[in-house]
C-alpha atoms as a PDB file:
ATOM      1  CA  MET A   1      71.835  90.967  73.883  1.00  0.00           C
ATOM      2  CA  VAL A   2      70.547  88.471  76.314  1.00  0.00           C
ATOM      3  CA  ARG A   3      71.433  88.677  80.072  1.00  0.00           C
ATOM      4  CA  PHE A   4      72.717  85.571  81.827  1.00  0.00           C
ATOM      5  CA  LYS A   5      70.294  84.811  84.578  1.00  0.00           C
ATOM      6  CA  ASN A   6      71.295  83.150  87.805  1.00  0.00           C
ATOM      7  CA  ARG A   7      70.006  81.680  90.885  1.00  0.00           C
ATOM      8  CA  TRP A   8      71.841  82.139  94.154  1.00  0.00           C
ATOM      9  CA  LEU A   9      71.709  79.426  96.865  1.00  0.00           C
ATOM     10  CA  LEU A  10      72.423  80.294 100.372  1.00  0.00           C
ATOM     11  CA  VAL A  11      73.420  77.150 101.993  1.00  0.00           C
ATOM     12  CA  GLU A  12      74.466  76.330 105.639  1.00  0.00           C
ATOM     13  CA  PHE A  13      76.687  73.268 106.361  1.00  0.00           C
ATOM     14  CA  ILE A  14      76.000  72.025 109.818  1.00  0.00           C
ATOM     15  CA  PRO A  15      78.765  69.919 111.188  1.00  0.00           C
ATOM     16  CA  ILE A  16      78.064  66.523 112.620  1.00  0.00           C
ATOM     17  CA  ASP A  17      81.567  65.420 113.577  1.00  0.00           C
ATOM     18  CA  VAL A  18      83.755  67.435 115.919  1.00  0.00           C
ATOM     19  CA  ARG A  19      86.836  68.564 113.866  1.00  0.00           C
ATOM     20  CA  PRO A  20      90.316  68.239 115.596  1.00  0.00           C
ATOM     21  CA  THR A  21      91.841  71.598 116.113  1.00  0.00           C
ATOM     22  CA  ASN A  22      94.863  70.933 113.836  1.00  0.00           C
ATOM     23  CA  SER A  23      92.847  69.833 110.874  1.00  0.00           C
ATOM     24  CA  THR A  24      92.541  71.879 107.735  1.00  0.00           C
ATOM     25  CA  ALA A  25      89.670  74.188 107.448  1.00  0.00           C
ATOM     26  CA  VAL A  26      86.886  73.705 104.703  1.00  0.00           C
ATOM     27  CA  THR A  27      87.247  76.262 101.952  1.00  0.00           C
ATOM     28  CA  SER A  28      85.151  77.209  99.182  1.00  0.00           C
ATOM     29  CA  LYS A  29      87.236  75.047  96.911  1.00  0.00           C
ATOM     30  CA  THR A  30      86.389  72.150  99.075  1.00  0.00           C
ATOM     31  CA  VAL A  31      82.685  72.832  98.834  1.00  0.00           C
ATOM     32  CA  TRP A  32      82.895  73.204  94.888  1.00  0.00           C
ATOM     33  CA  ASN A  33      84.785  69.922  94.652  1.00  0.00           C
ATOM     34  CA  ALA A  34      82.156  68.223  96.913  1.00  0.00           C
ATOM     35  CA  LEU A  35      79.301  69.763  94.942  1.00  0.00           C
ATOM     36  CA  LYS A  36      80.946  68.612  91.585  1.00  0.00           C
ATOM     37  CA  GLU A  37      81.315  65.084  92.897  1.00  0.00           C
ATOM     38  CA  SER A  38      77.696  65.087  94.165  1.00  0.00           C
ATOM     39  CA  VAL A  39      76.318  66.281  90.763  1.00  0.00           C
ATOM     40  CA  ILE A  40      78.223  63.743  88.845  1.00  0.00           C
ATOM     41  CA  PHE A  41      77.268  60.938  91.162  1.00  0.00           C
ATOM     42  CA  ASN A  42      73.570  61.774  91.398  1.00  0.00           C
ATOM     43  CA  PHE A  43      72.888  63.178  88.007  1.00  0.00           C
ATOM     44  CA  GLY A  44      75.689  61.812  85.766  1.00  0.00           C
ATOM     45  CA  GLU A  45      77.778  63.621  83.287  1.00  0.00           C
ATOM     46  CA  THR A  46      74.753  65.143  81.652  1.00  0.00           C
ATOM     47  CA  GLY A  47      73.787  66.841  84.914  1.00  0.00           C
ATOM     48  CA  TRP A  48      77.464  68.154  85.266  1.00  0.00           C
ATOM     49  CA  GLY A  49      77.312  69.329  81.584  1.00  0.00           C
ATOM     50  CA  ALA A  50      74.169  71.340  82.506  1.00  0.00           C
ATOM     51  CA  VAL A  51      75.358  73.049  85.572  1.00  0.00           C
ATOM     52  CA  GLY A  52      79.278  72.876  85.391  1.00  0.00           C
ATOM     53  CA  GLY A  53      79.801  75.880  83.255  1.00  0.00           C
ATOM     54  CA  SER A  54      77.892  78.202  85.536  1.00  0.00           C
ATOM     55  CA  LEU A  55      78.426  76.714  88.997  1.00  0.00           C
ATOM     56  CA  THR A  56      80.601  78.782  91.262  1.00  0.00           C
ATOM     57  CA  VAL A  57      81.026  79.157  95.063  1.00  0.00           C
ATOM     58  CA  LYS A  58      81.182  82.870  95.662  1.00  0.00           C
ATOM     59  CA  TYR A  59      81.428  82.891  99.397  1.00  0.00           C
ATOM     60  CA  PHE A  60      82.135  80.378 102.279  1.00  0.00           C
ATOM     61  CA  SER A  61      82.536  81.185 105.952  1.00  0.00           C
ATOM     62  CA  PRO A  62      84.189  78.470 107.977  1.00  0.00           C
ATOM     63  CA  MET A  63      82.996  79.969 111.263  1.00  0.00           C
ATOM     64  CA  THR A  64      79.221  79.825 110.493  1.00  0.00           C
ATOM     65  CA  GLY A  65      79.287  77.383 107.760  1.00  0.00           C
ATOM     66  CA  ILE A  66      77.340  79.483 105.283  1.00  0.00           C
ATOM     67  CA  CYS A  67      78.013  79.356 101.577  1.00  0.00           C
ATOM     68  CA  ILE A  68      76.628  81.402  98.638  1.00  0.00           C
ATOM     69  CA  ILE A  69      76.564  79.419  95.319  1.00  0.00           C
ATOM     70  CA  ARG A  70      75.841  80.777  91.803  1.00  0.00           C
ATOM     71  CA  VAL A  71      74.304  78.728  89.185  1.00  0.00           C
ATOM     72  CA  ALA A  72      72.323  79.275  85.955  1.00  0.00           C
ATOM     73  CA  ARG A  73      68.714  79.822  86.473  1.00  0.00           C
ATOM     74  CA  ASP A  74      67.617  76.997  84.026  1.00  0.00           C
ATOM     75  CA  HIS A  75      69.462  74.216  85.989  1.00  0.00           C
ATOM     76  CA  HIS A  76      69.429  75.466  89.510  1.00  0.00           C
ATOM     77  CA  ARG A  77      67.305  72.589  90.787  1.00  0.00           C
ATOM     78  CA  ILE A  78      70.066  70.180  89.757  1.00  0.00           C
ATOM     79  CA  ALA A  79      72.577  72.244  91.859  1.00  0.00           C
ATOM     80  CA  TRP A  80      69.989  72.387  94.651  1.00  0.00           C
ATOM     81  CA  GLY A  81      69.455  68.699  94.744  1.00  0.00           C
ATOM     82  CA  ALA A  82      73.222  68.014  94.594  1.00  0.00           C
ATOM     83  CA  VAL A  83      73.791  70.354  97.551  1.00  0.00           C
ATOM     84  CA  THR A  84      71.022  68.449  99.447  1.00  0.00           C
ATOM     85  CA  LEU A  85      72.735  65.046  98.799  1.00  0.00           C
ATOM     86  CA  ILE A  86      76.227  66.065  99.979  1.00  0.00           C
ATOM     87  CA  THR A  87      77.142  64.122 103.182  1.00  0.00           C
ATOM     88  CA  SER A  88      80.825  65.096 103.852  1.00  0.00           C
ATOM     89  CA  LEU A  89      83.321  67.805 103.200  1.00  0.00           C
ATOM     90  CA  ASP A  90      86.992  67.112 103.418  1.00  0.00           C
ATOM     91  CA  GLY A  91      86.210  63.759 105.137  1.00  0.00           C
ATOM     92  CA  PHE A  92      83.987  65.215 107.875  1.00  0.00           C
ATOM     93  CA  ARG A  93      80.217  64.714 107.975  1.00  0.00           C
ATOM     94  CA  TYR A  94      77.937  67.772 107.434  1.00  0.00           C
ATOM     95  CA  ILE A  95      74.200  68.295 106.965  1.00  0.00           C
ATOM     96  CA  PRO A  96      73.604  70.781 104.264  1.00  0.00           C
ATOM     97  CA  ARG A  97      70.539  73.069 104.617  1.00  0.00           C
ATOM     98  CA  THR A  98      69.409  75.374 101.876  1.00  0.00           C
ATOM     99  CA  VAL A  99      68.439  78.568 103.718  1.00  0.00           C
ATOM    100  CA  HIS A 100      67.462  80.778 100.779  1.00  0.00           C
ATOM    101  CA  VAL A 101      67.279  80.784  97.016  1.00  0.00           C
ATOM    102  CA  ALA A 102      67.571  84.139  95.405  1.00  0.00           C
ATOM    103  CA  GLY A 103      67.253  85.644  91.899  1.00  0.00           C
ATOM    104  CA  THR A 104      69.674  88.425  92.498  1.00  0.00           C
ATOM    105  CA  ILE A 105      72.981  88.756  94.371  1.00  0.00           C
ATOM    106  CA  LYS A 106      71.629  91.536  96.404  1.00  0.00           C
ATOM    107  CA  LYS A 107      68.847  89.421  97.904  1.00  0.00           C
ATOM    108  CA  ALA A 108      71.337  86.605  98.650  1.00  0.00           C
ATOM    109  CA  GLN A 109      73.625  88.938 100.351  1.00  0.00           C
ATOM    110  CA  LEU A 110      70.909  90.340 102.584  1.00  0.00           C
ATOM    111  CA  ALA A 111      69.728  86.810 103.439  1.00  0.00           C
ATOM    112  CA  ALA A 112      73.357  85.757 104.220  1.00  0.00           C
ATOM    113  CA  ILE A 113      73.910  88.847 106.536  1.00  0.00           C
ATOM    114  CA  GLN A 114      70.610  88.126 108.400  1.00  0.00           C
ATOM    115  CA  HIS A 115      71.456  84.405 108.723  1.00  0.00           C
ATOM    116  CA  ASP A 116      75.042  85.362 110.155  1.00  0.00           C
ATOM    117  CA  ARG A 117      73.304  87.578 112.743  1.00  0.00           C
ATOM    118  CA  GLU A 118      71.068  84.636 113.865  1.00  0.00           C
ATOM    119  CA  VAL A 119      73.910  82.142 113.965  1.00  0.00           C
ATOM    120  CA  VAL A 120      76.152  84.562 115.959  1.00  0.00           C
ATOM    121  CA  ALA A 121      73.222  85.100 118.347  1.00  0.00           C
ATOM    122  CA  ARG A 122      72.899  81.393 118.832  1.00  0.00           C
ATOM    123  CA  LEU A 123      76.603  81.148 119.466  1.00  0.00           C
ATOM    124  CA  ARG A 124      76.493  84.062 122.032  1.00  0.00           C
ATOM    125  CA  SER A 125      73.710  82.396 123.829  1.00  0.00           C
ATOM    126  CA  LYS A 126      75.400  79.022 123.842  1.00  0.00           C
ATOM    127  CA  TYR A 127      78.698  80.333 125.208  1.00  0.00           C
ATOM    128  CA  LYS A 128      77.153  83.062 127.396  1.00  0.00           C
ATOM    129  CA  THR A 129      79.084  86.058 125.813  1.00  0.00           C
ATOM    130  CA  SER A 130      77.315  89.254 125.033  1.00  0.00           C
ATOM    131  CA  SER A 131      79.830  92.017 125.410  1.00  0.00           C
ATOM    132  CA  PRO A 132      79.822  94.579 122.619  1.00  0.00           C
ATOM    133  CA  GLY A 133      83.535  94.109 121.861  1.00  0.00           C
ATOM    134  CA  ASP A 134      83.574  90.270 121.791  1.00  0.00           C
ATOM    135  CA  GLU A 135      85.051  88.293 118.905  1.00  0.00           C
ATOM    136  CA  TYR A 136      81.584  87.709 117.459  1.00  0.00           C
ATOM    137  CA  THR A 137      81.055  91.416 116.888  1.00  0.00           C
ATOM    138  CA  ALA A 138      84.411  91.688 115.109  1.00  0.00           C
ATOM    139  CA  TYR A 139      83.307  88.610 112.969  1.00  0.00           C
ATOM    140  CA  LEU A 140      79.989  90.138 112.038  1.00  0.00           C
ATOM    141  CA  THR A 141      81.637  93.367 110.892  1.00  0.00           C
ATOM    142  CA  SER A 142      84.183  91.556 108.772  1.00  0.00           C
ATOM    143  CA  SER A 143      81.691  88.970 107.317  1.00  0.00           C
ATOM    144  CA  ARG A 144      79.270  91.755 106.492  1.00  0.00           C
ATOM    145  CA  ALA A 145      82.039  93.633 104.516  1.00  0.00           C
ATOM    146  CA  ASN A 146      83.075  90.325 102.676  1.00  0.00           C
ATOM    147  CA  ILE A 147      79.523  89.492 101.790  1.00  0.00           C
ATOM    148  CA  GLU A 148      78.724  93.008 100.521  1.00  0.00           C
ATOM    149  CA  ALA A 149      81.899  92.804  98.461  1.00  0.00           C
ATOM    150  CA  ILE A 150      80.732  89.903  96.397  1.00  0.00           C
ATOM    151  CA  GLN A 151      80.366  90.852  92.762  1.00  0.00           C
ATOM    152  CA  GLU A 152      78.273  88.966  90.200  1.00  0.00           C
END
C-alpha cells in the first residue's frame, strides 16, 4: 500500500485595503474559492485537474491572516504559484506570502504557532499592549489549540 504524500503550505494573507467593520470576514471557504479561481485562470483546467483532488484549506485565522493548505506533493508547485498570484479575497486586496512549506502536518503546525507568536508580538508593540491577560494572550491560547487539533 502506497502512502498519499502531501505538502503543507503556510501562507500569510496581508491586507492592503482597510475592511469596514460590518463586512463579512474572510473564511477558509473564501480562500479555497480564490485558490481554485487562481489555479484555473493561471494554469487552466489541466492545472486544476492536477491539484483539485488534493487541495484543501485546513486552517485559516482571520485575526492574523495565516492559512494552512494541504496539496499533493507531486503538484505542490502549481498550488504554490496559484497562491502567490492571488490578488484579492472577498473583494478586498491582499498580498499572499508563503511563510513555510512542510512535508508533514507537525512541521506546518509548529511553523504556524511560531508565526502566530511573531504576529501577535508585532500587534502588541503596535498597539502598546503587553499585559499578560490581554486579548492577544487568549487568542494565542485558542489558536494554538486549534492548530494542534488539525488532523491529516
